[in-house]
PDB file of N, CA and C in Angstrom:
ATOM      1  N   MET A   1      87.666  46.100 135.717  1.00  0.00           N
ATOM      2  CA  MET A   1      86.241  46.810 135.679  1.00  0.00           C
ATOM      3  C   MET A   1      86.272  47.346 137.423  1.00  0.00           C
ATOM      4  N   VAL A   2      85.537  48.432 137.216  1.00  0.00           N
ATOM      5  CA  VAL A   2      85.384  49.069 138.655  1.00  0.00           C
ATOM      6  C   VAL A   2      84.191  49.136 139.174  1.00  0.00           C
ATOM      7  N   GLY A   3      84.140  49.134 140.394  1.00  0.00           N
ATOM      8  CA  GLY A   3      82.559  49.162 141.153  1.00  0.00           C
ATOM      9  C   GLY A   3      82.415  50.693 141.423  1.00  0.00           C
ATOM     10  N   GLU A   4      83.402  51.692 141.636  1.00  0.00           N
ATOM     11  CA  GLU A   4      83.071  52.937 141.895  1.00  0.00           C
ATOM     12  C   GLU A   4      83.726  53.601 140.748  1.00  0.00           C
ATOM     13  N   GLU A   5      83.048  54.975 140.860  1.00  0.00           N
ATOM     14  CA  GLU A   5      83.538  56.066 139.872  1.00  0.00           C
ATOM     15  C   GLU A   5      84.098  57.228 140.464  1.00  0.00           C
ATOM     16  N   ALA A   6      84.981  57.926 139.770  1.00  0.00           N
ATOM     17  CA  ALA A   6      85.384  59.353 140.043  1.00  0.00           C
ATOM     18  C   ALA A   6      86.349  59.118 141.306  1.00  0.00           C
ATOM     19  N   ILE A   7      87.139  58.266 141.589  1.00  0.00           N
ATOM     20  CA  ILE A   7      88.279  58.246 142.501  1.00  0.00           C
ATOM     21  C   ILE A   7      89.508  59.278 142.158  1.00  0.00           C
ATOM     22  N   THR A   8      89.801  60.058 142.849  1.00  0.00           N
ATOM     23  CA  THR A   8      90.722  61.012 142.196  1.00  0.00           C
ATOM     24  C   THR A   8      92.249  60.390 142.521  1.00  0.00           C
ATOM     25  N   PHE A   9      93.286  60.972 141.939  1.00  0.00           N
ATOM     26  CA  PHE A   9      94.654  60.339 142.199  1.00  0.00           C
ATOM     27  C   PHE A   9      94.961  60.920 143.786  1.00  0.00           C
ATOM     28  N   ARG A  10      94.410  61.924 143.920  1.00  0.00           N
ATOM     29  CA  ARG A  10      94.662  62.679 145.420  1.00  0.00           C
ATOM     30  C   ARG A  10      94.153  61.734 146.403  1.00  0.00           C
ATOM     31  N   SER A  11      92.979  61.066 146.162  1.00  0.00           N
ATOM     32  CA  SER A  11      92.420  60.271 147.144  1.00  0.00           C
ATOM     33  C   SER A  11      93.066  59.182 147.298  1.00  0.00           C
ATOM     34  N   ILE A  12      93.655  58.590 146.276  1.00  0.00           N
ATOM     35  CA  ILE A  12      94.526  57.470 146.272  1.00  0.00           C
ATOM     36  C   ILE A  12      95.838  57.633 146.905  1.00  0.00           C
ATOM     37  N   ALA A  13      96.371  58.613 146.671  1.00  0.00           N
ATOM     38  CA  ALA A  13      97.669  58.916 147.263  1.00  0.00           C
ATOM     39  C   ALA A  13      97.498  59.356 148.847  1.00  0.00           C
ATOM     40  N   GLU A  14      96.487  60.014 149.115  1.00  0.00           N
ATOM     41  CA  GLU A  14      96.169  60.025 150.639  1.00  0.00           C
ATOM     42  C   GLU A  14      95.945  58.915 151.330  1.00  0.00           C
ATOM     43  N   THR A  15      95.419  57.958 150.600  1.00  0.00           N
ATOM     44  CA  THR A  15      94.945  56.652 151.357  1.00  0.00           C
ATOM     45  C   THR A  15      96.243  55.993 151.544  1.00  0.00           C
ATOM     46  N   LEU A  16      96.825  55.812 150.402  1.00  0.00           N
ATOM     47  CA  LEU A  16      98.272  55.354 150.450  1.00  0.00           C
ATOM     48  C   LEU A  16      99.234  55.866 151.617  1.00  0.00           C
ATOM     49  N   GLY A  17      99.499  57.007 151.612  1.00  0.00           N
ATOM     50  CA  GLY A  17     100.277  58.010 152.628  1.00  0.00           C
ATOM     51  C   GLY A  17      99.770  57.506 153.940  1.00  0.00           C
ATOM     52  N   LYS A  18      98.485  57.601 154.219  1.00  0.00           N
ATOM     53  CA  LYS A  18      98.086  57.338 155.560  1.00  0.00           C
ATOM     54  C   LYS A  18      98.166  55.937 156.077  1.00  0.00           C
ATOM     55  N   ARG A  19      97.980  55.202 155.068  1.00  0.00           N
ATOM     56  CA  ARG A  19      98.377  53.541 155.487  1.00  0.00           C
ATOM     57  C   ARG A  19      99.908  53.342 155.742  1.00  0.00           C
ATOM     58  N   LEU A  20     100.625  54.206 154.692  1.00  0.00           N
ATOM     59  CA  LEU A  20     102.175  53.498 154.987  1.00  0.00           C
ATOM     60  C   LEU A  20     102.884  54.509 156.024  1.00  0.00           C
ATOM     61  N   ASP A  21     102.057  55.590 156.377  1.00  0.00           N
ATOM     62  CA  ASP A  21     102.553  56.864 157.365  1.00  0.00           C
ATOM     63  C   ASP A  21     103.658  57.488 156.502  1.00  0.00           C
ATOM     64  N   LEU A  22     103.306  58.062 155.493  1.00  0.00           N
ATOM     65  CA  LEU A  22     104.322  58.820 154.573  1.00  0.00           C
ATOM     66  C   LEU A  22     103.379  59.928 154.329  1.00  0.00           C
ATOM     67  N   PRO A  23     104.221  61.205 154.059  1.00  0.00           N
ATOM     68  CA  PRO A  23     103.840  62.407 154.157  1.00  0.00           C
ATOM     69  C   PRO A  23     103.202  62.494 152.553  1.00  0.00           C
ATOM     70  N   VAL A  24     102.194  63.116 152.260  1.00  0.00           N
ATOM     71  CA  VAL A  24     101.648  63.574 150.896  1.00  0.00           C
ATOM     72  C   VAL A  24     101.688  64.895 150.938  1.00  0.00           C
ATOM     73  N   ILE A  25     102.231  65.276 149.606  1.00  0.00           N
ATOM     74  CA  ILE A  25     102.425  66.835 149.313  1.00  0.00           C
ATOM     75  C   ILE A  25     101.594  66.949 147.883  1.00  0.00           C
ATOM     76  N   ARG A  26     101.073  68.227 148.003  1.00  0.00           N
ATOM     77  CA  ARG A  26     100.795  68.682 146.569  1.00  0.00           C
ATOM     78  C   ARG A  26     102.122  69.378 145.656  1.00  0.00           C
ATOM     79  N   VAL A  27     101.837  68.742 144.431  1.00  0.00           N
ATOM     80  CA  VAL A  27     102.831  69.063 143.418  1.00  0.00           C
ATOM     81  C   VAL A  27     102.379  69.888 142.410  1.00  0.00           C
ATOM     82  N   GLU A  28     102.676  71.077 142.413  1.00  0.00           N
ATOM     83  CA  GLU A  28     102.467  71.875 141.198  1.00  0.00           C
ATOM     84  C   GLU A  28     102.700  71.148 139.761  1.00  0.00           C
ATOM     85  N   ASN A  29     101.937  71.936 138.779  1.00  0.00           N
ATOM     86  CA  ASN A  29     102.249  71.299 137.343  1.00  0.00           C
ATOM     87  C   ASN A  29     103.638  71.453 136.877  1.00  0.00           C
ATOM     88  N   ALA A  30     104.078  72.462 137.269  1.00  0.00           N
ATOM     89  CA  ALA A  30     105.532  72.924 136.573  1.00  0.00           C
ATOM     90  C   ALA A  30     106.518  72.070 137.188  1.00  0.00           C
ATOM     91  N   ALA A  31     106.249  71.216 138.347  1.00  0.00           N
ATOM     92  CA  ALA A  31     107.561  70.510 139.263  1.00  0.00           C
ATOM     93  C   ALA A  31     107.049  69.129 138.967  1.00  0.00           C
ATOM     94  N   ALA A  32     106.075  68.598 138.239  1.00  0.00           N
ATOM     95  CA  ALA A  32     105.389  67.398 138.115  1.00  0.00           C
ATOM     96  C   ALA A  32     106.498  66.510 137.519  1.00  0.00           C
ATOM     97  N   ALA A  33     106.796  66.806 136.467  1.00  0.00           N
ATOM     98  CA  ALA A  33     107.847  66.147 135.590  1.00  0.00           C
ATOM     99  C   ALA A  33     109.193  65.821 136.338  1.00  0.00           C
ATOM    100  N   ALA A  34     109.532  66.685 137.089  1.00  0.00           N
ATOM    101  CA  ALA A  34     110.801  66.388 137.798  1.00  0.00           C
ATOM    102  C   ALA A  34     110.560  65.358 138.963  1.00  0.00           C
ATOM    103  N   HIS A  35     109.105  65.730 139.630  1.00  0.00           N
ATOM    104  CA  HIS A  35     108.686  64.685 140.789  1.00  0.00           C
ATOM    105  C   HIS A  35     108.153  63.222 140.461  1.00  0.00           C
ATOM    106  N   PHE A  36     107.337  63.416 139.217  1.00  0.00           N
ATOM    107  CA  PHE A  36     106.725  61.841 138.964  1.00  0.00           C
ATOM    108  C   PHE A  36     107.710  61.308 137.879  1.00  0.00           C
ATOM    109  N   GLY A  37     108.861  61.943 137.347  1.00  0.00           N
ATOM    110  CA  GLY A  37     109.429  61.352 136.208  1.00  0.00           C
ATOM    111  C   GLY A  37     108.507  60.858 135.123  1.00  0.00           C
ATOM    112  N   TRP A  38     108.495  59.676 134.405  1.00  0.00           N
ATOM    113  CA  TRP A  38     107.596  59.161 133.649  1.00  0.00           C
ATOM    114  C   TRP A  38     106.468  59.068 133.795  1.00  0.00           C
ATOM    115  N   PHE A  39     105.890  59.103 134.897  1.00  0.00           N
ATOM    116  CA  PHE A  39     104.456  58.719 135.392  1.00  0.00           C
ATOM    117  C   PHE A  39     103.821  60.245 135.439  1.00  0.00           C
ATOM    118  N   ALA A  40     104.454  61.292 135.368  1.00  0.00           N
ATOM    119  CA  ALA A  40     104.124  62.657 135.281  1.00  0.00           C
ATOM    120  C   ALA A  40     102.745  62.900 134.260  1.00  0.00           C
ATOM    121  N   HIS A  41     102.957  62.495 133.039  1.00  0.00           N
ATOM    122  CA  HIS A  41     101.972  62.459 132.200  1.00  0.00           C
ATOM    123  C   HIS A  41     100.451  61.905 132.557  1.00  0.00           C
ATOM    124  N   PHE A  42     100.585  60.778 133.135  1.00  0.00           N
ATOM    125  CA  PHE A  42      99.458  60.065 133.903  1.00  0.00           C
ATOM    126  C   PHE A  42      99.062  60.777 134.905  1.00  0.00           C
ATOM    127  N   ALA A  43      99.714  61.215 135.895  1.00  0.00           N
ATOM    128  CA  ALA A  43      99.436  61.693 137.182  1.00  0.00           C
ATOM    129  C   ALA A  43      98.650  63.039 137.008  1.00  0.00           C
ATOM    130  N   ALA A  44      98.759  63.919 135.891  1.00  0.00           N
ATOM    131  CA  ALA A  44      98.204  65.264 135.519  1.00  0.00           C
ATOM    132  C   ALA A  44      96.976  64.791 134.619  1.00  0.00           C
ATOM    133  N   ARG A  45      96.637  63.652 134.302  1.00  0.00           N
ATOM    134  CA  ARG A  45      95.484  63.493 133.421  1.00  0.00           C
ATOM    135  C   ARG A  45      94.300  63.345 134.409  1.00  0.00           C
ATOM    136  N   GLN A  46      93.106  63.654 133.969  1.00  0.00           N
ATOM    137  CA  GLN A  46      91.833  63.842 134.584  1.00  0.00           C
ATOM    138  C   GLN A  46      91.220  62.412 134.000  1.00  0.00           C
ATOM    139  N   MET A  47      91.344  61.118 134.453  1.00  0.00           N
ATOM    140  CA  MET A  47      91.030  59.915 133.949  1.00  0.00           C
ATOM    141  C   MET A  47      89.944  59.385 134.709  1.00  0.00           C
ATOM    142  N   SER A  48      88.682  58.894 134.268  1.00  0.00           N
ATOM    143  CA  SER A  48      88.045  58.303 135.272  1.00  0.00           C
ATOM    144  C   SER A  48      87.545  56.920 134.309  1.00  0.00           C
ATOM    145  N   ALA A  49      87.222  56.114 135.019  1.00  0.00           N
ATOM    146  CA  ALA A  49      86.614  54.697 134.655  1.00  0.00           C
ATOM    147  C   ALA A  49      85.273  54.283 134.871  1.00  0.00           C
ATOM    148  N   SER A  50      84.531  53.667 134.038  1.00  0.00           N
ATOM    149  CA  SER A  50      83.056  53.332 134.419  1.00  0.00           C
ATOM    150  C   SER A  50      82.617  51.980 134.244  1.00  0.00           C
ATOM    151  N   SER A  51      81.991  51.506 135.020  1.00  0.00           N
ATOM    152  CA  SER A  51      81.440  49.979 134.789  1.00  0.00           C
ATOM    153  C   SER A  51      80.222  49.769 134.199  1.00  0.00           C
ATOM    154  N   ALA A  52      79.518  51.149 133.837  1.00  0.00           N
ATOM    155  CA  ALA A  52      78.113  51.211 133.391  1.00  0.00           C
ATOM    156  C   ALA A  52      78.072  50.267 132.241  1.00  0.00           C
ATOM    157  N   ARG A  53      78.850  50.150 131.312  1.00  0.00           N
ATOM    158  CA  ARG A  53      78.759  49.183 130.191  1.00  0.00           C
ATOM    159  C   ARG A  53      78.809  47.854 130.627  1.00  0.00           C
ATOM    160  N   THR A  54      79.767  47.480 131.155  1.00  0.00           N
ATOM    161  CA  THR A  54      79.672  45.963 131.949  1.00  0.00           C
ATOM    162  C   THR A  54      78.499  45.959 132.608  1.00  0.00           C
ATOM    163  N   ARG A  55      78.156  46.791 133.506  1.00  0.00           N
ATOM    164  CA  ARG A  55      76.645  46.209 134.132  1.00  0.00           C
ATOM    165  C   ARG A  55      75.600  46.181 133.323  1.00  0.00           C
ATOM    166  N   GLN A  56      75.605  47.043 132.315  1.00  0.00           N
ATOM    167  CA  GLN A  56      74.394  46.893 131.442  1.00  0.00           C
ATOM    168  C   GLN A  56      74.510  45.531 130.446  1.00  0.00           C
ATOM    169  N   GLU A  57      75.576  45.439 130.021  1.00  0.00           N
ATOM    170  CA  GLU A  57      75.699  44.301 129.092  1.00  0.00           C
ATOM    171  C   GLU A  57      75.820  42.974 129.521  1.00  0.00           C
ATOM    172  N   LEU A  58      76.633  42.990 130.682  1.00  0.00           N
ATOM    173  CA  LEU A  58      76.712  41.601 131.568  1.00  0.00           C
ATOM    174  C   LEU A  58      75.858  41.236 132.443  1.00  0.00           C
ATOM    175  N   GLY A  59      75.333  42.605 133.091  1.00  0.00           N
ATOM    176  CA  GLY A  59      74.589  42.416 134.397  1.00  0.00           C
ATOM    177  C   GLY A  59      75.486  42.200 135.458  1.00  0.00           C
ATOM    178  N   TRP A  60      76.707  42.671 135.493  1.00  0.00           N
ATOM    179  CA  TRP A  60      77.651  42.546 136.420  1.00  0.00           C
ATOM    180  C   TRP A  60      77.172  43.550 137.769  1.00  0.00           C
ATOM    181  N   LEU A  61      77.631  43.111 138.828  1.00  0.00           N
ATOM    182  CA  LEU A  61      77.274  44.012 140.014  1.00  0.00           C
ATOM    183  C   LEU A  61      78.409  43.747 140.887  1.00  0.00           C
ATOM    184  N   PRO A  62      79.110  44.713 141.220  1.00  0.00           N
ATOM    185  CA  PRO A  62      80.326  44.711 142.052  1.00  0.00           C
ATOM    186  C   PRO A  62      79.813  44.270 143.643  1.00  0.00           C
ATOM    187  N   ILE A  63      80.546  43.093 144.042  1.00  0.00           N
ATOM    188  CA  ILE A  63      80.393  42.859 145.283  1.00  0.00           C
ATOM    189  C   ILE A  63      81.480  43.081 146.546  1.00  0.00           C
ATOM    190  N   GLN A  64      82.832  43.054 145.975  1.00  0.00           N
ATOM    191  CA  GLN A  64      83.784  43.376 146.829  1.00  0.00           C
ATOM    192  C   GLN A  64      84.090  44.724 147.213  1.00  0.00           C
ATOM    193  N   ALA A  65      84.898  45.151 148.126  1.00  0.00           N
ATOM    194  CA  ALA A  65      85.308  46.392 148.598  1.00  0.00           C
ATOM    195  C   ALA A  65      85.534  47.440 147.560  1.00  0.00           C
ATOM    196  N   GLY A  66      85.467  48.703 147.590  1.00  0.00           N
ATOM    197  CA  GLY A  66      85.984  49.628 146.894  1.00  0.00           C
ATOM    198  C   GLY A  66      87.326  49.632 146.960  1.00  0.00           C
ATOM    199  N   LEU A  67      88.036  50.504 146.090  1.00  0.00           N
ATOM    200  CA  LEU A  67      89.453  50.595 145.969  1.00  0.00           C
ATOM    201  C   LEU A  67      90.085  51.323 147.053  1.00  0.00           C
ATOM    202  N   LEU A  68      89.539  52.346 147.487  1.00  0.00           N
ATOM    203  CA  LEU A  68      89.946  53.140 148.894  1.00  0.00           C
ATOM    204  C   LEU A  68      89.805  52.271 149.827  1.00  0.00           C
ATOM    205  N   GLU A  69      88.668  51.697 150.064  1.00  0.00           N
ATOM    206  CA  GLU A  69      88.547  50.813 151.397  1.00  0.00           C
ATOM    207  C   GLU A  69      89.508  49.420 151.053  1.00  0.00           C
ATOM    208  N   ASP A  70      89.708  49.096 150.023  1.00  0.00           N
ATOM    209  CA  ASP A  70      90.580  47.857 149.781  1.00  0.00           C
ATOM    210  C   ASP A  70      91.941  48.273 150.185  1.00  0.00           C
ATOM    211  N   LEU A  71      92.225  49.646 149.815  1.00  0.00           N
ATOM    212  CA  LEU A  71      93.806  50.021 150.094  1.00  0.00           C
ATOM    213  C   LEU A  71      94.205  50.089 151.432  1.00  0.00           C
ATOM    214  N   GLN A  72      93.051  50.442 152.353  1.00  0.00           N
ATOM    215  CA  GLN A  72      93.301  50.601 153.893  1.00  0.00           C
ATOM    216  C   GLN A  72      93.359  49.149 154.523  1.00  0.00           C
ATOM    217  N   GLY A  73      92.930  48.194 153.706  1.00  0.00           N
ATOM    218  CA  GLY A  73      93.175  46.891 154.497  1.00  0.00           C
ATOM    219  C   GLY A  73      94.562  45.949 154.580  1.00  0.00           C
ATOM    220  N   ASP A  74      94.472  45.113 154.923  1.00  0.00           N
ATOM    221  CA  ASP A  74      96.038  44.442 155.103  1.00  0.00           C
ATOM    222  C   ASP A  74      96.576  43.747 153.824  1.00  0.00           C
ATOM    223  N   ASP A  75      95.851  43.410 152.824  1.00  0.00           N
ATOM    224  CA  ASP A  75      96.041  42.550 151.824  1.00  0.00           C
ATOM    225  C   ASP A  75      97.218  43.063 150.908  1.00  0.00           C
ATOM    226  N   TYR A  76      97.393  44.542 150.971  1.00  0.00           N
ATOM    227  CA  TYR A  76      98.424  44.989 150.043  1.00  0.00           C
ATOM    228  C   TYR A  76      99.720  45.043 150.690  1.00  0.00           C
ATOM    229  N   PHE A  77      99.812  45.279 152.222  1.00  0.00           N
ATOM    230  CA  PHE A  77     101.165  45.738 152.783  1.00  0.00           C
ATOM    231  C   PHE A  77     101.570  44.785 153.815  1.00  0.00           C
ATOM    232  N   CYS A  78     102.824  44.732 154.209  1.00  0.00           N
ATOM    233  CA  CYS A  78     103.351  43.829 155.093  1.00  0.00           C
ATOM    234  C   CYS A  78     103.498  44.818 156.461  1.00  0.00           C
ATOM    235  N   ASP A  79     103.172  44.338 157.514  1.00  0.00           N
ATOM    236  CA  ASP A  79     103.331  45.083 158.743  1.00  0.00           C
ATOM    237  C   ASP A  79     104.801  44.823 159.296  1.00  0.00           C
TER     238      ASP A  79
END
């Protein structure tokens, strides 16, 4: 389940790149297969998730940090 919607692949990559001090580059569609390998199909898709149905049917309300905020924390990475 997600608390926020429409987080782009680019935003996730930029957040991880900044957190890990790694460069983030734009990869054109023609080069995506060579760059991403088996993951290219997923990286190229415009996919989104929504918690609207969960919120409606179960009354769920997110209280934790959002994905990008969470990725900026120390829980995922060792310094």
